[in-house]
N, C-alpha and C. Protein backbone atom coordinates (compact mmCIF):
# COMPACT_ATOMS: atom_id res chain seq x y z
N UNK A 1 0.34 -4.48 27.57
CA UNK A 1 0.63 -4.48 26.30
C UNK A 1 -0.67 -4.94 25.44
N UNK A 2 -1.33 -6.43 26.01
CA UNK A 2 -2.62 -6.64 25.15
C UNK A 2 -3.56 -5.93 25.18
N UNK A 3 -3.85 -5.06 26.40
CA UNK A 3 -4.79 -4.36 26.27
C UNK A 3 -4.72 -2.76 25.28
N UNK A 4 -3.53 -2.72 25.15
CA UNK A 4 -3.38 -1.71 24.12
C UNK A 4 -3.48 -2.27 22.80
N UNK A 5 -3.16 -3.39 22.34
CA UNK A 5 -3.75 -3.84 21.02
C UNK A 5 -4.83 -3.80 21.00
N UNK A 6 -5.69 -4.83 22.00
CA UNK A 6 -7.01 -4.52 21.93
C UNK A 6 -7.62 -3.31 21.70
N UNK A 7 -7.32 -2.39 22.22
CA UNK A 7 -7.77 -0.83 21.98
C UNK A 7 -7.78 -0.59 20.50
N UNK A 8 -6.41 -0.76 19.85
CA UNK A 8 -6.02 -0.33 18.66
C UNK A 8 -6.99 -0.71 17.80
N UNK A 9 -7.23 -2.11 17.90
CA UNK A 9 -7.82 -3.38 17.23
C UNK A 9 -9.40 -2.61 17.25
N UNK A 10 -9.97 -2.04 18.19
CA UNK A 10 -11.30 -1.68 18.44
C UNK A 10 -11.19 -0.52 17.70
N UNK A 11 -10.42 0.47 17.77
CA UNK A 11 -10.65 1.90 17.00
C UNK A 11 -10.43 1.38 15.94
N UNK A 12 -9.78 0.53 15.26
CA UNK A 12 -9.73 0.22 13.99
C UNK A 12 -10.88 -0.20 13.29
N UNK A 13 -11.49 -0.87 13.93
CA UNK A 13 -12.72 -1.41 13.78
C UNK A 13 -13.89 -0.33 13.57
N UNK A 14 -13.94 0.48 14.70
CA UNK A 14 -14.74 1.50 14.67
C UNK A 14 -14.61 2.35 13.37
N UNK A 15 -13.22 3.18 13.04
CA UNK A 15 -12.91 3.76 11.88
C UNK A 15 -13.21 3.27 10.68
N UNK A 16 -13.11 1.92 10.36
CA UNK A 16 -13.58 1.21 9.40
C UNK A 16 -14.97 1.07 9.05
N UNK A 17 -15.58 0.89 10.49
CA UNK A 17 -17.24 0.67 10.14
C UNK A 17 -17.98 2.15 10.09
N UNK A 18 -17.10 3.33 10.31
CA UNK A 18 -17.70 4.55 10.19
C UNK A 18 -17.39 4.91 8.64
N UNK A 19 -17.04 4.07 7.78
CA UNK A 19 -16.55 4.39 6.45
C UNK A 19 -15.52 4.99 6.27
N UNK A 20 -14.73 5.40 7.14
CA UNK A 20 -13.12 6.14 7.00
C UNK A 20 -12.48 5.65 5.73
N UNK A 21 -12.34 4.28 5.68
CA UNK A 21 -11.48 3.82 4.54
C UNK A 21 -12.26 3.72 3.16
N UNK A 22 -13.32 4.58 2.98
CA UNK A 22 -14.17 4.28 1.89
C UNK A 22 -13.81 5.84 0.88
N UNK A 23 -13.38 6.98 1.70
CA UNK A 23 -13.11 7.90 1.34
C UNK A 23 -11.94 8.13 0.07
N UNK A 24 -12.22 8.78 -0.96
CA UNK A 24 -11.15 8.91 -2.23
C UNK A 24 -9.65 9.49 -1.47
N UNK A 25 -9.91 10.49 -0.64
CA UNK A 25 -8.68 11.22 0.16
C UNK A 25 -7.94 10.20 1.03
N UNK A 26 -8.68 9.48 1.72
CA UNK A 26 -7.92 8.43 2.64
C UNK A 26 -7.20 7.37 1.66
N UNK A 27 -7.83 6.98 0.41
CA UNK A 27 -7.29 5.78 -0.20
C UNK A 27 -5.97 6.30 -0.85
N UNK A 28 -6.10 7.71 -1.46
CA UNK A 28 -5.17 8.10 -2.07
C UNK A 28 -3.68 8.46 -1.12
N UNK A 29 -4.04 8.66 -0.34
CA UNK A 29 -3.23 8.94 0.98
C UNK A 29 -2.42 7.94 1.36
N UNK A 30 -3.57 6.51 1.49
CA UNK A 30 -2.60 5.26 1.83
C UNK A 30 -1.71 4.82 0.89
N UNK A 31 -1.90 5.07 -0.44
CA UNK A 31 -1.20 4.69 -1.54
C UNK A 31 -0.05 5.55 -1.40
N UNK A 32 -0.13 6.76 -1.40
CA UNK A 32 0.90 7.57 -1.33
C UNK A 32 2.04 7.31 -0.14
N UNK A 33 1.37 7.17 0.72
CA UNK A 33 2.35 6.68 2.26
C UNK A 33 3.05 5.61 2.01
N UNK A 34 2.31 4.46 1.39
CA UNK A 34 2.98 3.51 0.79
C UNK A 34 3.98 3.35 -0.10
N UNK A 35 3.88 4.31 -1.18
CA UNK A 35 5.10 4.61 -1.99
C UNK A 35 5.99 4.87 -1.26
N UNK A 36 5.88 6.08 -0.58
CA UNK A 36 6.87 7.14 0.24
C UNK A 36 7.68 5.79 1.16
N UNK A 37 6.94 4.57 2.01
CA UNK A 37 7.60 3.89 2.70
C UNK A 37 8.55 3.14 1.72
N UNK A 38 7.90 2.61 0.79
CA UNK A 38 8.63 1.70 -0.07
C UNK A 38 10.02 2.57 -0.70
N UNK A 39 9.67 3.69 -1.11
CA UNK A 39 11.06 4.26 -1.53
C UNK A 39 12.12 4.63 -0.34
N UNK A 40 11.58 4.48 0.90
CA UNK A 40 12.56 4.87 2.10
C UNK A 40 13.13 3.61 2.31
N UNK A 41 12.98 2.63 1.80
CA UNK A 41 13.46 1.38 2.57
C UNK A 41 13.97 0.49 1.01
N UNK A 42 14.11 1.15 -0.16
CA UNK A 42 14.34 0.55 -1.17
C UNK A 42 15.88 -0.18 -0.76
N UNK A 43 16.44 0.20 -0.16
CA UNK A 43 17.96 -0.67 0.22
C UNK A 43 17.49 -2.12 0.98
N UNK A 44 17.00 -2.08 1.86
CA UNK A 44 16.44 -2.88 2.79
C UNK A 44 15.67 -3.94 1.71
N UNK A 45 14.93 -3.58 1.18
CA UNK A 45 13.95 -4.35 0.16
C UNK A 45 14.88 -5.24 -0.72
N UNK A 46 16.01 -4.29 -1.65
CA UNK A 46 16.93 -5.11 -2.35
C UNK A 46 17.78 -6.03 -1.68
N UNK A 47 18.19 -5.54 -0.46
CA UNK A 47 18.86 -6.35 0.56
C UNK A 47 18.31 -8.18 0.78
N UNK A 48 16.89 -7.67 1.12
CA UNK A 48 16.42 -8.82 1.56
C UNK A 48 15.63 -9.80 0.24
N UNK A 49 15.88 -9.14 -1.05
CA UNK A 49 15.67 -10.07 -2.13
C UNK A 49 16.81 -10.49 -2.62
N UNK A 50 17.89 -9.99 -2.22
CA UNK A 50 19.42 -10.73 -2.74
C UNK A 50 19.35 -11.85 -1.61
N UNK A 51 19.17 -11.57 -0.17
CA UNK A 51 19.44 -12.74 0.50
C UNK A 51 18.66 -13.84 0.67
N UNK A 52 17.08 -13.64 0.29
CA UNK A 52 16.10 -14.64 0.25
C UNK A 52 16.02 -15.27 -1.36
N UNK A 53 16.16 -14.53 -2.28
CA UNK A 53 16.14 -15.20 -3.58
C UNK A 53 17.42 -14.89 -4.46
N UNK A 54 18.22 -14.28 -4.27
CA UNK A 54 19.45 -14.18 -4.75
C UNK A 54 19.49 -13.24 -6.15
N UNK A 55 18.45 -12.08 -5.72
CA UNK A 55 18.29 -11.43 -7.07
C UNK A 55 19.33 -10.25 -7.06
N UNK A 56 19.97 -9.86 -7.89
CA UNK A 56 20.92 -8.76 -7.81
C UNK A 56 20.06 -7.44 -7.58
N UNK A 57 20.69 -6.06 -7.20
CA UNK A 57 20.24 -5.05 -6.91
C UNK A 57 19.23 -4.71 -8.00
N UNK A 58 20.11 -4.50 -9.72
CA UNK A 58 19.28 -4.36 -10.72
C UNK A 58 17.81 -4.91 -10.83
N UNK A 59 17.98 -6.27 -10.86
CA UNK A 59 17.00 -7.15 -10.98
C UNK A 59 15.75 -7.03 -9.88
N UNK A 60 16.11 -6.68 -8.35
CA UNK A 60 15.54 -6.37 -7.32
C UNK A 60 14.47 -5.22 -7.79
N UNK A 61 15.17 -4.19 -8.19
CA UNK A 61 14.58 -3.02 -8.89
C UNK A 61 13.68 -3.08 -9.71
N UNK A 62 14.05 -3.60 -10.74
CA UNK A 62 13.41 -3.51 -12.06
C UNK A 62 11.84 -4.80 -11.77
N UNK A 63 12.47 -5.74 -11.17
CA UNK A 63 11.22 -6.72 -11.23
C UNK A 63 10.43 -6.80 -10.34
N UNK A 64 10.62 -6.11 -9.22
CA UNK A 64 10.05 -5.75 -7.98
C UNK A 64 9.29 -4.17 -7.42
N UNK A 65 10.14 -3.54 -7.35
CA UNK A 65 10.13 -2.09 -6.66
C UNK A 65 9.72 -1.26 -8.01
N UNK A 66 10.12 -1.10 -9.24
CA UNK A 66 9.73 -0.30 -9.89
C UNK A 66 8.35 -0.76 -10.46
N UNK A 67 8.00 -2.06 -10.51
CA UNK A 67 6.90 -2.79 -10.93
C UNK A 67 6.01 -2.28 -9.80
N UNK A 68 6.33 -2.21 -8.62
CA UNK A 68 5.19 -2.09 -7.46
C UNK A 68 4.78 -0.25 -7.61
N UNK A 69 5.77 0.35 -8.06
CA UNK A 69 5.54 2.12 -8.11
C UNK A 69 4.65 2.09 -9.44
N UNK A 70 4.92 1.21 -10.63
CA UNK A 70 3.93 1.49 -11.48
C UNK A 70 2.66 0.98 -11.41
N UNK A 71 2.43 -0.15 -10.22
CA UNK A 71 0.93 -0.20 -10.01
C UNK A 71 0.39 0.52 -9.02
N UNK A 72 1.26 1.50 -8.06
CA UNK A 72 0.55 2.45 -7.05
C UNK A 72 0.09 3.52 -8.09
N UNK A 73 0.99 3.86 -9.22
CA UNK A 73 0.75 5.13 -9.68
C UNK A 73 -0.39 4.87 -10.74
N UNK A 74 -0.56 3.52 -11.11
CA UNK A 74 -1.86 3.11 -11.97
C UNK A 74 -3.10 3.19 -10.98
N UNK A 75 -2.96 2.89 -9.86
CA UNK A 75 -4.13 2.84 -8.72
C UNK A 75 -4.45 4.45 -8.45
N UNK A 76 -3.41 4.96 -8.23
CA UNK A 76 -3.81 6.70 -7.98
C UNK A 76 -4.42 7.24 -9.22
N UNK A 77 -4.16 6.95 -10.47
CA UNK A 77 -4.91 7.32 -11.53
C UNK A 77 -5.99 6.81 -11.77
N UNK A 78 -6.47 5.69 -11.46
CA UNK A 78 -7.61 5.16 -11.72
C UNK A 78 -8.74 5.08 -10.84
N UNK A 79 -8.12 5.38 -9.32
CA UNK A 79 -8.84 5.53 -8.46
C UNK A 79 -10.17 5.93 -8.40
N UNK A 80 -10.37 7.34 -8.58
CA UNK A 80 -11.26 8.10 -8.81
C UNK A 80 -12.43 7.50 -9.40
N UNK A 81 -12.12 6.80 -10.71
CA UNK A 81 -13.24 6.46 -11.66
C UNK A 81 -13.35 4.89 -11.01
N UNK A 82 -12.39 4.08 -10.37
CA UNK A 82 -12.86 2.98 -9.89
C UNK A 82 -14.03 2.86 -8.83
N UNK A 83 -13.94 4.25 -7.84
CA UNK A 83 -14.89 4.38 -7.14
C UNK A 83 -16.29 4.65 -7.28
N UNK A 84 -16.43 4.83 -8.43
CA UNK A 84 -17.71 5.53 -9.16
C UNK A 84 -18.58 4.27 -9.03
N UNK A 85 -19.87 4.56 -8.60
CA UNK A 85 -20.75 3.24 -8.81
C UNK A 85 -20.96 2.98 -10.16
N UNK A 86 -20.96 1.45 -10.25
CA UNK A 86 -21.42 0.84 -11.45
C UNK A 86 -22.80 0.12 -11.50
N UNK A 87 -23.28 -0.17 -12.32
CA UNK A 87 -24.67 -0.99 -12.68
C UNK A 87 -24.04 -2.21 -12.57
N UNK A 88 -24.89 -3.07 -11.69
CA UNK A 88 -24.46 -4.57 -11.82
C UNK A 88 -25.36 -5.29 -12.40
N UNK A 89 -24.75 -6.31 -13.06
CA UNK A 89 -25.60 -7.16 -13.94
C UNK A 89 -26.38 -8.54 -13.43
């Protein structure tokens, strides 16, 4: 198992070092995958927030999940312009 993890880490380093994470399409897809994963696990997230912090389902959704969806949507909309080169002062 240790060798499998080492190979996985090596592959991730190679992918990162070759600029794979810098592409707009990669970043947009990663944000979309994140949002879909959160959607598929909403019940587990609200249950954990109840167990850990005593938050009701409504409070957990409005203060954590819905906020996260808004942040992801904001990132998706601004991503392209944020990736444009800018002059440094």
